[in-house]
PDB file of N, CA and C in Angstrom:
ATOM      1  N   MET A   1       0.848  -1.177   0.000  1.00  0.00           N
ATOM      2  CA  MET A   1       0.000   0.000   0.000  1.00  0.00           C
ATOM      3  C   MET A   1       0.884   1.226   0.000  1.00  0.00           C
ATOM      4  N   HIS A   2       0.508   2.215  -0.771  1.00  0.00           N
ATOM      5  CA  HIS A   2       1.284   3.445  -0.823  1.00  0.00           C
ATOM      6  C   HIS A   2       0.412   4.611  -0.374  1.00  0.00           C
ATOM      7  N   GLY A   3       1.056   5.736  -0.095  1.00  0.00           N
ATOM      8  CA  GLY A   3       0.359   6.885   0.470  1.00  0.00           C
ATOM      9  C   GLY A   3      -0.178   7.863  -0.543  1.00  0.00           C
ATOM     10  N   ASP A   4      -0.103   7.543  -1.837  1.00  0.00           N
ATOM     11  CA  ASP A   4      -0.588   8.483  -2.842  1.00  0.00           C
ATOM     12  C   ASP A   4      -2.109   8.509  -2.874  1.00  0.00           C
ATOM     13  N   LEU A   5      -2.624   9.713  -2.920  1.00  0.00           N
ATOM     14  CA  LEU A   5      -4.061   9.885  -3.094  1.00  0.00           C
ATOM     15  C   LEU A   5      -4.293  10.416  -4.494  1.00  0.00           C
ATOM     16  N   GLY A   6      -5.327  10.026  -5.097  1.00  0.00           N
ATOM     17  CA  GLY A   6      -5.624  10.529  -6.428  1.00  0.00           C
ATOM     18  C   GLY A   6      -6.921   9.954  -6.943  1.00  0.00           C
ATOM     19  N   ILE A   7      -7.395  10.527  -8.022  1.00  0.00           N
ATOM     20  CA  ILE A   7      -8.599  10.018  -8.658  1.00  0.00           C
ATOM     21  C   ILE A   7      -8.309   9.800 -10.130  1.00  0.00           C
ATOM     22  N   ASP A   8      -9.051   8.931 -10.714  1.00  0.00           N
ATOM     23  CA  ASP A   8      -8.963   8.679 -12.144  1.00  0.00           C
ATOM     24  C   ASP A   8      -9.928   9.641 -12.832  1.00  0.00           C
ATOM     25  N   HIS A   9      -9.400  10.762 -13.310  1.00  0.00           N
ATOM     26  CA  HIS A   9     -10.254  11.792 -13.901  1.00  0.00           C
ATOM     27  C   HIS A   9     -11.019  11.265 -15.108  1.00  0.00           C
ATOM     28  N   GLY A  10     -10.361  10.479 -15.939  1.00  0.00           N
ATOM     29  CA  GLY A  10     -11.039   9.916 -17.103  1.00  0.00           C
ATOM     30  C   GLY A  10     -12.182   8.995 -16.707  1.00  0.00           C
ATOM     31  N   GLY A  11     -11.933   8.166 -15.700  1.00  0.00           N
ATOM     32  CA  GLY A  11     -12.972   7.254 -15.220  1.00  0.00           C
ATOM     33  C   GLY A  11     -14.152   7.995 -14.621  1.00  0.00           C
ATOM     34  N   MET A  12     -13.854   9.046 -13.876  1.00  0.00           N
ATOM     35  CA  MET A  12     -14.936   9.840 -13.289  1.00  0.00           C
ATOM     36  C   MET A  12     -15.744  10.543 -14.372  1.00  0.00           C
ATOM     37  N   GLU A  13     -15.063  11.030 -15.379  1.00  0.00           N
ATOM     38  CA  GLU A  13     -15.773  11.711 -16.461  1.00  0.00           C
ATOM     39  C   GLU A  13     -16.673  10.736 -17.216  1.00  0.00           C
ATOM     40  N   ARG A  14     -16.148   9.539 -17.493  1.00  0.00           N
ATOM     41  CA  ARG A  14     -16.957   8.523 -18.176  1.00  0.00           C
ATOM     42  C   ARG A  14     -18.164   8.132 -17.324  1.00  0.00           C
ATOM     43  N   ALA A  15     -17.949   7.966 -16.022  1.00  0.00           N
ATOM     44  CA  ALA A  15     -19.049   7.588 -15.130  1.00  0.00           C
ATOM     45  C   ALA A  15     -20.108   8.687 -15.061  1.00  0.00           C
ATOM     46  N   SER A  16     -19.674   9.936 -14.987  1.00  0.00           N
ATOM     47  CA  SER A  16     -20.643  11.030 -14.912  1.00  0.00           C
ATOM     48  C   SER A  16     -21.452  11.120 -16.204  1.00  0.00           C
ATOM     49  N   LEU A  17     -20.794  10.945 -17.350  1.00  0.00           N
ATOM     50  CA  LEU A  17     -21.520  10.968 -18.619  1.00  0.00           C
ATOM     51  C   LEU A  17     -22.512   9.820 -18.700  1.00  0.00           C
ATOM     52  N   ARG A  18     -22.097   8.645 -18.256  1.00  0.00           N
ATOM     53  CA  ARG A  18     -22.979   7.474 -18.310  1.00  0.00           C
ATOM     54  C   ARG A  18     -24.186   7.652 -17.392  1.00  0.00           C
ATOM     55  N   LEU A  19     -23.973   8.185 -16.199  1.00  0.00           N
ATOM     56  CA  LEU A  19     -25.098   8.412 -15.298  1.00  0.00           C
ATOM     57  C   LEU A  19     -26.074   9.426 -15.882  1.00  0.00           C
ATOM     58  N   THR A  20     -25.548  10.476 -16.474  1.00  0.00           N
ATOM     59  CA  THR A  20     -26.410  11.480 -17.094  1.00  0.00           C
ATOM     60  C   THR A  20     -27.199  10.870 -18.251  1.00  0.00           C
ATOM     61  N   GLU A  21     -26.511  10.081 -19.090  1.00  0.00           N
ATOM     62  CA  GLU A  21     -27.197   9.407 -20.196  1.00  0.00           C
ATOM     63  C   GLU A  21     -28.264   8.441 -19.671  1.00  0.00           C
ATOM     64  N   HIS A  22     -27.930   7.708 -18.613  1.00  0.00           N
ATOM     65  CA  HIS A  22     -28.879   6.754 -18.046  1.00  0.00           C
ATOM     66  C   HIS A  22     -30.115   7.488 -17.521  1.00  0.00           C
ATOM     67  N   GLY A  23     -29.906   8.633 -16.872  1.00  0.00           N
ATOM     68  CA  GLY A  23     -31.036   9.430 -16.401  1.00  0.00           C
ATOM     69  C   GLY A  23     -31.913   9.891 -17.551  1.00  0.00           C
ATOM     70  N   ASP A  24     -31.295  10.283 -18.660  1.00  0.00           N
ATOM     71  CA  ASP A  24     -32.058  10.692 -19.845  1.00  0.00           C
ATOM     72  C   ASP A  24     -32.830   9.515 -20.438  1.00  0.00           C
ATOM     73  N   GLU A  25     -32.194   8.338 -20.501  1.00  0.00           N
ATOM     74  CA  GLU A  25     -32.869   7.140 -21.005  1.00  0.00           C
ATOM     75  C   GLU A  25     -34.061   6.780 -20.115  1.00  0.00           C
ATOM     76  N   PHE A  26     -33.856   6.935 -18.818  1.00  0.00           N
ATOM     77  CA  PHE A  26     -34.904   6.669 -17.843  1.00  0.00           C
ATOM     78  C   PHE A  26     -36.095   7.585 -18.103  1.00  0.00           C
ATOM     79  N   ALA A  27     -35.811   8.876 -18.329  1.00  0.00           N
ATOM     80  CA  ALA A  27     -36.880   9.849 -18.590  1.00  0.00           C
ATOM     81  C   ALA A  27     -37.639   9.502 -19.864  1.00  0.00           C
ATOM     82  N   THR A  28     -36.930   9.056 -20.891  1.00  0.00           N
ATOM     83  CA  THR A  28     -37.576   8.673 -22.147  1.00  0.00           C
ATOM     84  C   THR A  28     -38.496   7.477 -21.940  1.00  0.00           C
ATOM     85  N   ALA A  29     -38.014   6.480 -21.227  1.00  0.00           N
ATOM     86  CA  ALA A  29     -38.834   5.296 -20.959  1.00  0.00           C
ATOM     87  C   ALA A  29     -40.077   5.676 -20.151  1.00  0.00           C
ATOM     88  N   LEU A  30     -39.909   6.590 -19.204  1.00  0.00           N
ATOM     89  CA  LEU A  30     -41.040   6.987 -18.372  1.00  0.00           C
ATOM     90  C   LEU A  30     -42.087   7.779 -19.145  1.00  0.00           C
ATOM     91  N   ARG A  31     -41.659   8.506 -20.172  1.00  0.00           N
ATOM     92  CA  ARG A  31     -42.636   9.213 -21.006  1.00  0.00           C
ATOM     93  C   ARG A  31     -43.604   8.204 -21.632  1.00  0.00           C
ATOM     94  N   HIS A  32     -43.067   7.080 -22.099  1.00  0.00           N
ATOM     95  CA  HIS A  32     -43.911   6.042 -22.685  1.00  0.00           C
ATOM     96  C   HIS A  32     -44.830   5.416 -21.629  1.00  0.00           C
ATOM     97  N   LEU A  33     -44.296   5.171 -20.438  1.00  0.00           N
ATOM     98  CA  LEU A  33     -45.126   4.608 -19.365  1.00  0.00           C
ATOM     99  C   LEU A  33     -46.212   5.586 -18.942  1.00  0.00           C
ATOM    100  N   ARG A  34     -45.856   6.856 -18.888  1.00  0.00           N
ATOM    101  CA  ARG A  34     -46.816   7.880 -18.487  1.00  0.00           C
ATOM    102  C   ARG A  34     -47.978   7.943 -19.485  1.00  0.00           C
ATOM    103  N   GLU A  35     -47.663   7.765 -20.764  1.00  0.00           N
ATOM    104  CA  GLU A  35     -48.702   7.771 -21.793  1.00  0.00           C
ATOM    105  C   GLU A  35     -49.650   6.578 -21.621  1.00  0.00           C
ATOM    106  N   ARG A  36     -49.091   5.449 -21.213  1.00  0.00           N
ATOM    107  CA  ARG A  36     -49.905   4.238 -21.060  1.00  0.00           C
ATOM    108  C   ARG A  36     -50.615   4.195 -19.722  1.00  0.00           C
ATOM    109  N   ALA A  37     -49.993   4.744 -18.670  1.00  0.00           N
ATOM    110  CA  ALA A  37     -50.612   4.716 -17.342  1.00  0.00           C
ATOM    111  C   ALA A  37     -51.867   5.579 -17.374  1.00  0.00           C
ATOM    112  N   GLY A  38     -52.878   5.126 -16.751  1.00  0.00           N
ATOM    113  CA  GLY A  38     -54.119   5.878 -16.731  1.00  0.00           C
ATOM    114  C   GLY A  38     -55.003   5.563 -17.918  1.00  0.00           C
ATOM    115  N   ALA A  39     -54.518   4.737 -18.827  1.00  0.00           N
ATOM    116  CA  ALA A  39     -55.301   4.407 -20.010  1.00  0.00           C
ATOM    117  C   ALA A  39     -55.859   2.991 -19.947  1.00  0.00           C
ATOM    118  N   ALA A  40     -55.660   2.329 -18.815  1.00  0.00           N
ATOM    119  CA  ALA A  40     -56.140   0.955 -18.698  1.00  0.00           C
ATOM    120  C   ALA A  40     -57.665   0.933 -18.732  1.00  0.00           C
ATOM    121  N   SER A  41     -58.181   0.055 -19.511  1.00  0.00           N
ATOM    122  CA  SER A  41     -59.625  -0.112 -19.593  1.00  0.00           C
ATOM    123  C   SER A  41     -59.905  -1.541 -20.038  1.00  0.00           C
ATOM    124  N   TRP A  42     -60.863  -2.143 -19.363  1.00  0.00           N
ATOM    125  CA  TRP A  42     -61.246  -3.491 -19.752  1.00  0.00           C
ATOM    126  C   TRP A  42     -62.640  -3.487 -20.386  1.00  0.00           C
ATOM    127  N   GLY A  43     -63.036  -2.332 -20.851  1.00  0.00           N
ATOM    128  CA  GLY A  43     -64.311  -2.227 -21.549  1.00  0.00           C
ATOM    129  C   GLY A  43     -65.523  -2.339 -20.654  1.00  0.00           C
ATOM    130  N   ASP A  44     -65.355  -2.149 -19.361  1.00  0.00           N
ATOM    131  CA  ASP A  44     -66.482  -2.250 -18.444  1.00  0.00           C
ATOM    132  C   ASP A  44     -66.410  -1.085 -17.474  1.00  0.00           C
ATOM    133  N   ASP A  45     -67.383  -0.227 -17.532  1.00  0.00           N
ATOM    134  CA  ASP A  45     -67.419   0.914 -16.609  1.00  0.00           C
ATOM    135  C   ASP A  45     -68.276   0.607 -15.384  1.00  0.00           C
ATOM    136  N   GLY A  46     -68.805  -0.564 -15.318  1.00  0.00           N
ATOM    137  CA  GLY A  46     -69.677  -0.933 -14.199  1.00  0.00           C
ATOM    138  C   GLY A  46     -68.884  -1.414 -13.009  1.00  0.00           C
ATOM    139  N   LEU A  47     -68.944  -2.707 -12.768  1.00  0.00           N
ATOM    140  CA  LEU A  47     -68.337  -3.319 -11.595  1.00  0.00           C
ATOM    141  C   LEU A  47     -66.823  -3.109 -11.554  1.00  0.00           C
ATOM    142  N   PHE A  48     -66.150  -3.229 -12.702  1.00  0.00           N
ATOM    143  CA  PHE A  48     -64.699  -3.115 -12.731  1.00  0.00           C
ATOM    144  C   PHE A  48     -64.214  -1.671 -12.799  1.00  0.00           C
ATOM    145  N   GLY A  49     -65.089  -0.728 -12.969  1.00  0.00           N
ATOM    146  CA  GLY A  49     -64.705   0.683 -13.081  1.00  0.00           C
ATOM    147  C   GLY A  49     -63.904   1.160 -11.880  1.00  0.00           C
ATOM    148  N   ALA A  50     -64.320   0.782 -10.690  1.00  0.00           N
ATOM    149  CA  ALA A  50     -63.600   1.201  -9.476  1.00  0.00           C
ATOM    150  C   ALA A  50     -62.215   0.569  -9.424  1.00  0.00           C
ATOM    151  N   PHE A  51     -62.100  -0.689  -9.847  1.00  0.00           N
ATOM    152  CA  PHE A  51     -60.796  -1.356  -9.862  1.00  0.00           C
ATOM    153  C   PHE A  51     -59.867  -0.731 -10.900  1.00  0.00           C
ATOM    154  N   VAL A  52     -60.424  -0.402 -12.058  1.00  0.00           N
ATOM    155  CA  VAL A  52     -59.624   0.222 -13.112  1.00  0.00           C
ATOM    156  C   VAL A  52     -59.126   1.586 -12.656  1.00  0.00           C
ATOM    157  N   ALA A  53     -59.982   2.363 -11.998  1.00  0.00           N
ATOM    158  CA  ALA A  53     -59.578   3.683 -11.500  1.00  0.00           C
ATOM    159  C   ALA A  53     -58.467   3.550 -10.458  1.00  0.00           C
ATOM    160  N   ALA A  54     -58.596   2.593  -9.558  1.00  0.00           N
ATOM    161  CA  ALA A  54     -57.561   2.381  -8.532  1.00  0.00           C
ATOM    162  C   ALA A  54     -56.252   1.934  -9.173  1.00  0.00           C
ATOM    163  N   TYR A  55     -56.349   1.045 -10.159  1.00  0.00           N
ATOM    164  CA  TYR A  55     -55.153   0.579 -10.877  1.00  0.00           C
ATOM    165  C   TYR A  55     -54.468   1.753 -11.570  1.00  0.00           C
ATOM    166  N   ASN A  56     -55.230   2.600 -12.228  1.00  0.00           N
ATOM    167  CA  ASN A  56     -54.666   3.750 -12.925  1.00  0.00           C
ATOM    168  C   ASN A  56     -53.969   4.706 -11.955  1.00  0.00           C
ATOM    169  N   ARG A  57     -54.572   4.941 -10.792  1.00  0.00           N
ATOM    170  CA  ARG A  57     -53.924   5.808  -9.788  1.00  0.00           C
ATOM    171  C   ARG A  57     -52.612   5.199  -9.317  1.00  0.00           C
ATOM    172  N   CYS A  58     -52.600   3.888  -9.072  1.00  0.00           N
ATOM    173  CA  CYS A  58     -51.361   3.202  -8.644  1.00  0.00           C
ATOM    174  C   CYS A  58     -50.291   3.289  -9.730  1.00  0.00           C
ATOM    175  N   ALA A  59     -50.686   3.074 -10.963  1.00  0.00           N
ATOM    176  CA  ALA A  59     -49.722   3.122 -12.059  1.00  0.00           C
ATOM    177  C   ALA A  59     -49.126   4.513 -12.188  1.00  0.00           C
ATOM    178  N   LEU A  60     -49.952   5.545 -12.090  1.00  0.00           N
ATOM    179  CA  LEU A  60     -49.434   6.919 -12.191  1.00  0.00           C
ATOM    180  C   LEU A  60     -48.526   7.268 -11.009  1.00  0.00           C
ATOM    181  N   THR A  61     -48.862   6.782  -9.821  1.00  0.00           N
ATOM    182  CA  THR A  61     -48.013   7.015  -8.647  1.00  0.00           C
ATOM    183  C   THR A  61     -46.643   6.362  -8.833  1.00  0.00           C
ATOM    184  N   ALA A  62     -46.625   5.137  -9.346  1.00  0.00           N
ATOM    185  CA  ALA A  62     -45.352   4.445  -9.598  1.00  0.00           C
ATOM    186  C   ALA A  62     -44.528   5.193 -10.638  1.00  0.00           C
ATOM    187  N   VAL A  63     -45.165   5.665 -11.699  1.00  0.00           N
ATOM    188  CA  VAL A  63     -44.446   6.394 -12.745  1.00  0.00           C
ATOM    189  C   VAL A  63     -43.820   7.663 -12.171  1.00  0.00           C
ATOM    190  N   GLU A  64     -44.548   8.370 -11.322  1.00  0.00           N
ATOM    191  CA  GLU A  64     -44.004   9.591 -10.722  1.00  0.00           C
ATOM    192  C   GLU A  64     -42.822   9.273  -9.800  1.00  0.00           C
ATOM    193  N   ALA A  65     -42.909   8.163  -9.063  1.00  0.00           N
ATOM    194  CA  ALA A  65     -41.786   7.763  -8.201  1.00  0.00           C
ATOM    195  C   ALA A  65     -40.563   7.423  -9.047  1.00  0.00           C
ATOM    196  N   TYR A  66     -40.776   6.716 -10.148  1.00  0.00           N
ATOM    197  CA  TYR A  66     -39.665   6.378 -11.039  1.00  0.00           C
ATOM    198  C   TYR A  66     -39.087   7.624 -11.694  1.00  0.00           C
ATOM    199  N   ALA A  67     -39.938   8.584 -12.002  1.00  0.00           N
ATOM    200  CA  ALA A  67     -39.453   9.837 -12.594  1.00  0.00           C
ATOM    201  C   ALA A  67     -38.530  10.558 -11.621  1.00  0.00           C
ATOM    202  N   HIS A  68     -38.887  10.543 -10.352  1.00  0.00           N
ATOM    203  CA  HIS A  68     -38.039  11.159  -9.328  1.00  0.00           C
ATOM    204  C   HIS A  68     -36.696  10.438  -9.256  1.00  0.00           C
ATOM    205  N   LEU A  69     -36.722   9.122  -9.302  1.00  0.00           N
ATOM    206  CA  LEU A  69     -35.502   8.328  -9.264  1.00  0.00           C
ATOM    207  C   LEU A  69     -34.620   8.628 -10.476  1.00  0.00           C
ATOM    208  N   GLY A  70     -35.216   8.701 -11.667  1.00  0.00           N
ATOM    209  CA  GLY A  70     -34.454   9.021 -12.873  1.00  0.00           C
ATOM    210  C   GLY A  70     -33.807  10.383 -12.787  1.00  0.00           C
ATOM    211  N   GLY A  71     -34.518  11.343 -12.217  1.00  0.00           N
ATOM    212  CA  GLY A  71     -33.950  12.680 -12.031  1.00  0.00           C
ATOM    213  C   GLY A  71     -32.754  12.649 -11.102  1.00  0.00           C
ATOM    214  N   LYS A  72     -32.838  11.847 -10.064  1.00  0.00           N
ATOM    215  CA  LYS A  72     -31.720  11.742  -9.119  1.00  0.00           C
ATOM    216  C   LYS A  72     -30.510  11.088  -9.771  1.00  0.00           C
ATOM    217  N   VAL A  73     -30.734  10.104 -10.629  1.00  0.00           N
ATOM    218  CA  VAL A  73     -29.620   9.465 -11.348  1.00  0.00           C
ATOM    219  C   VAL A  73     -28.920  10.498 -12.218  1.00  0.00           C
ATOM    220  N   SER A  74     -29.691  11.281 -12.941  1.00  0.00           N
ATOM    221  CA  SER A  74     -29.125  12.321 -13.801  1.00  0.00           C
ATOM    222  C   SER A  74     -28.405  13.386 -12.971  1.00  0.00           C
ATOM    223  N   ASP A  75     -29.019  13.791 -11.858  1.00  0.00           N
ATOM    224  CA  ASP A  75     -28.386  14.779 -10.973  1.00  0.00           C
ATOM    225  C   ASP A  75     -27.066  14.262 -10.414  1.00  0.00           C
ATOM    226  N   THR A  76     -27.011  12.969 -10.095  1.00  0.00           N
ATOM    227  CA  THR A  76     -25.776  12.377  -9.576  1.00  0.00           C
ATOM    228  C   THR A  76     -24.676  12.428 -10.633  1.00  0.00           C
ATOM    229  N   GLY A  77     -25.024  12.181 -11.882  1.00  0.00           N
ATOM    230  CA  GLY A  77     -24.046  12.301 -12.964  1.00  0.00           C
ATOM    231  C   GLY A  77     -23.502  13.715 -13.065  1.00  0.00           C
ATOM    232  N   GLY A  78     -24.383  14.703 -12.979  1.00  0.00           N
ATOM    233  CA  GLY A  78     -23.942  16.100 -13.019  1.00  0.00           C
ATOM    234  C   GLY A  78     -23.067  16.452 -11.829  1.00  0.00           C
ATOM    235  N   ALA A  79     -23.437  15.970 -10.644  1.00  0.00           N
ATOM    236  CA  ALA A  79     -22.647  16.252  -9.440  1.00  0.00           C
ATOM    237  C   ALA A  79     -21.268  15.593  -9.522  1.00  0.00           C
ATOM    238  N   LEU A  80     -21.202  14.411 -10.088  1.00  0.00           N
ATOM    239  CA  LEU A  80     -19.922  13.725 -10.255  1.00  0.00           C
ATOM    240  C   LEU A  80     -19.013  14.513 -11.199  1.00  0.00           C
ATOM    241  N   ALA A  81     -19.591  15.075 -12.253  1.00  0.00           N
ATOM    242  CA  ALA A  81     -18.809  15.903 -13.185  1.00  0.00           C
ATOM    243  C   ALA A  81     -18.285  17.148 -12.485  1.00  0.00           C
ATOM    244  N   VAL A  82     -19.107  17.768 -11.656  1.00  0.00           N
ATOM    245  CA  VAL A  82     -18.680  18.966 -10.918  1.00  0.00           C
ATOM    246  C   VAL A  82     -17.569  18.605  -9.939  1.00  0.00           C
ATOM    247  N   ALA A  83     -17.717  17.479  -9.236  1.00  0.00           N
ATOM    248  CA  ALA A  83     -16.687  17.063  -8.277  1.00  0.00           C
ATOM    249  C   ALA A  83     -15.360  16.808  -8.981  1.00  0.00           C
ATOM    250  N   ARG A  84     -15.396  16.137 -10.131  1.00  0.00           N
ATOM    251  CA  ARG A  84     -14.175  15.874 -10.876  1.00  0.00           C
ATOM    252  C   ARG A  84     -13.518  17.173 -11.311  1.00  0.00           C
ATOM    253  N   ARG A  85     -14.317  18.107 -11.781  1.00  0.00           N
ATOM    254  CA  ARG A  85     -13.787  19.391 -12.225  1.00  0.00           C
ATOM    255  C   ARG A  85     -13.164  20.158 -11.058  1.00  0.00           C
ATOM    256  N   ARG A  86     -13.810  20.135  -9.905  1.00  0.00           N
ATOM    257  CA  ARG A  86     -13.280  20.853  -8.731  1.00  0.00           C
ATOM    258  C   ARG A  86     -11.979  20.234  -8.242  1.00  0.00           C
ATOM    259  N   VAL A  87     -11.906  18.912  -8.229  1.00  0.00           N
ATOM    260  CA  VAL A  87     -10.661  18.248  -7.816  1.00  0.00           C
ATOM    261  C   VAL A  87      -9.554  18.586  -8.799  1.00  0.00           C
ATOM    262  N   SER A  88      -9.870  18.558 -10.078  1.00  0.00           N
ATOM    263  CA  SER A  88      -8.876  18.894 -11.099  1.00  0.00           C
ATOM    264  C   SER A  88      -8.389  20.333 -10.930  1.00  0.00           C
ATOM    265  N   ASP A  89      -9.307  21.252 -10.691  1.00  0.00           N
ATOM    266  CA  ASP A  89      -8.924  22.653 -10.463  1.00  0.00           C
ATOM    267  C   ASP A  89      -8.056  22.796  -9.214  1.00  0.00           C
ATOM    268  N   ALA A  90      -8.435  22.084  -8.144  1.00  0.00           N
ATOM    269  CA  ALA A  90      -7.663  22.164  -6.900  1.00  0.00           C
ATOM    270  C   ALA A  90      -6.258  21.600  -7.095  1.00  0.00           C
ATOM    271  N   GLU A  91      -6.160  20.492  -7.835  1.00  0.00           N
ATOM    272  CA  GLU A  91      -4.838  19.925  -8.102  1.00  0.00           C
ATOM    273  C   GLU A  91      -3.981  20.907  -8.897  1.00  0.00           C
ATOM    274  N   GLY A  92      -4.587  21.543  -9.881  1.00  0.00           N
ATOM    275  CA  GLY A  92      -3.844  22.523 -10.680  1.00  0.00           C
ATOM    276  C   GLY A  92      -3.418  23.716  -9.851  1.00  0.00           C
ATOM    277  N   ASP A  93      -4.322  24.218  -9.006  1.00  0.00           N
ATOM    278  CA  ASP A  93      -4.004  25.366  -8.157  1.00  0.00           C
ATOM    279  C   ASP A  93      -2.894  25.040  -7.169  1.00  0.00           C
ATOM    280  N   SER A  94      -2.988  23.869  -6.528  1.00  0.00           N
ATOM    281  CA  SER A  94      -1.957  23.512  -5.542  1.00  0.00           C
ATOM    282  C   SER A  94      -0.623  23.275  -6.236  1.00  0.00           C
ATOM    283  N   GLY A  95      -0.650  22.686  -7.424  1.00  0.00           N
ATOM    284  CA  GLY A  95       0.599  22.476  -8.166  1.00  0.00           C
ATOM    285  C   GLY A  95       1.256  23.795  -8.534  1.00  0.00           C
ATOM    286  N   ARG A  96       0.451  24.753  -8.950  1.00  0.00           N
ATOM    287  CA  ARG A  96       1.004  26.077  -9.285  1.00  0.00           C
ATOM    288  C   ARG A  96       1.565  26.762  -8.046  1.00  0.00           C
ATOM    289  N   GLN A  97       0.900  26.613  -6.912  1.00  0.00           N
ATOM    290  CA  GLN A  97       1.379  27.213  -5.670  1.00  0.00           C
ATOM    291  C   GLN A  97       2.718  26.602  -5.252  1.00  0.00           C
ATOM    292  N   ILE A  98       2.840  25.304  -5.394  1.00  0.00           N
ATOM    293  CA  ILE A  98       4.095  24.629  -5.031  1.00  0.00           C
ATOM    294  C   ILE A  98       5.220  25.083  -5.955  1.00  0.00           C
ATOM    295  N   LEU A  99       4.947  25.139  -7.250  1.00  0.00           N
ATOM    296  CA  LEU A  99       5.969  25.602  -8.190  1.00  0.00           C
ATOM    297  C   LEU A  99       6.371  27.039  -7.916  1.00  0.00           C
ATOM    298  N   ARG A 100       5.404  27.883  -7.611  1.00  0.00           N
ATOM    299  CA  ARG A 100       5.675  29.284  -7.350  1.00  0.00           C
ATOM    300  C   ARG A 100       6.512  29.462  -6.072  1.00  0.00           C
ATOM    301  N   SER A 101       6.264  28.604  -5.075  1.00  0.00           N
ATOM    302  CA  SER A 101       6.975  28.749  -3.815  1.00  0.00           C
ATOM    303  C   SER A 101       8.325  28.028  -3.808  1.00  0.00           C
ATOM    304  N   HIS A 102       8.594  27.252  -4.828  1.00  0.00           N
ATOM    305  CA  HIS A 102       9.856  26.525  -4.893  1.00  0.00           C
ATOM    306  C   HIS A 102      11.023  27.521  -4.902  1.00  0.00           C
ATOM    307  N   GLY A 103      11.908  27.333  -3.997  1.00  0.00           N
ATOM    308  CA  GLY A 103      13.066  28.222  -3.924  1.00  0.00           C
ATOM    309  C   GLY A 103      12.881  29.391  -2.975  1.00  0.00           C
ATOM    310  N   GLU A 104      11.639  29.660  -2.546  1.00  0.00           N
ATOM    311  CA  GLU A 104      11.427  30.746  -1.591  1.00  0.00           C
ATOM    312  C   GLU A 104      11.780  30.235  -0.201  1.00  0.00           C
ATOM    313  N   THR A 105      12.304  31.091   0.604  1.00  0.00           N
ATOM    314  CA  THR A 105      12.620  30.717   1.981  1.00  0.00           C
ATOM    315  C   THR A 105      11.502  31.184   2.896  1.00  0.00           C
ATOM    316  N   ASP A 106      11.387  30.535   4.007  1.00  0.00           N
ATOM    317  CA  ASP A 106      10.400  30.873   5.030  1.00  0.00           C
ATOM    318  C   ASP A 106       8.965  30.853   4.489  1.00  0.00           C
ATOM    319  N   VAL A 107       8.627  29.838   3.699  1.00  0.00           N
ATOM    320  CA  VAL A 107       7.275  29.712   3.187  1.00  0.00           C
ATOM    321  C   VAL A 107       6.411  29.088   4.285  1.00  0.00           C
ATOM    322  N   ALA A 108       5.314  29.725   4.586  1.00  0.00           N
ATOM    323  CA  ALA A 108       4.401  29.232   5.607  1.00  0.00           C
ATOM    324  C   ALA A 108       3.194  28.604   4.918  1.00  0.00           C
ATOM    325  N   TRP A 109       2.885  27.363   5.254  1.00  0.00           N
ATOM    326  CA  TRP A 109       1.725  26.687   4.716  1.00  0.00           C
ATOM    327  C   TRP A 109       0.611  26.715   5.744  1.00  0.00           C
ATOM    328  N   ALA A 110      -0.542  27.114   5.326  1.00  0.00           N
ATOM    329  CA  ALA A 110      -1.667  27.170   6.267  1.00  0.00           C
ATOM    330  C   ALA A 110      -2.570  25.992   6.052  1.00  0.00           C
TER     331      ALA A 110
END
């Protein structure tokens, strides 16, 4: 085991893009489900009407829950991209600070 800390910037970027794409795919699939949910009908408005209405409400509730989940997947991809960018910026800033201070005497690190 060694003491180096670091991240795989390329891997993080690929993961963030994939999560964002997956969230978009999720949203597309849910659009189709949303169109179908609430449209269930067995051709009987009598006895089964109450069951069909309850089924439609359940289906729409599930679709909305899945939509929330898809949004979170996409948001996680965006947050991962921001985190990678911030780490990259911090690494660049600290590297520049070290290079700039090289050769200076009495450098105080806070």
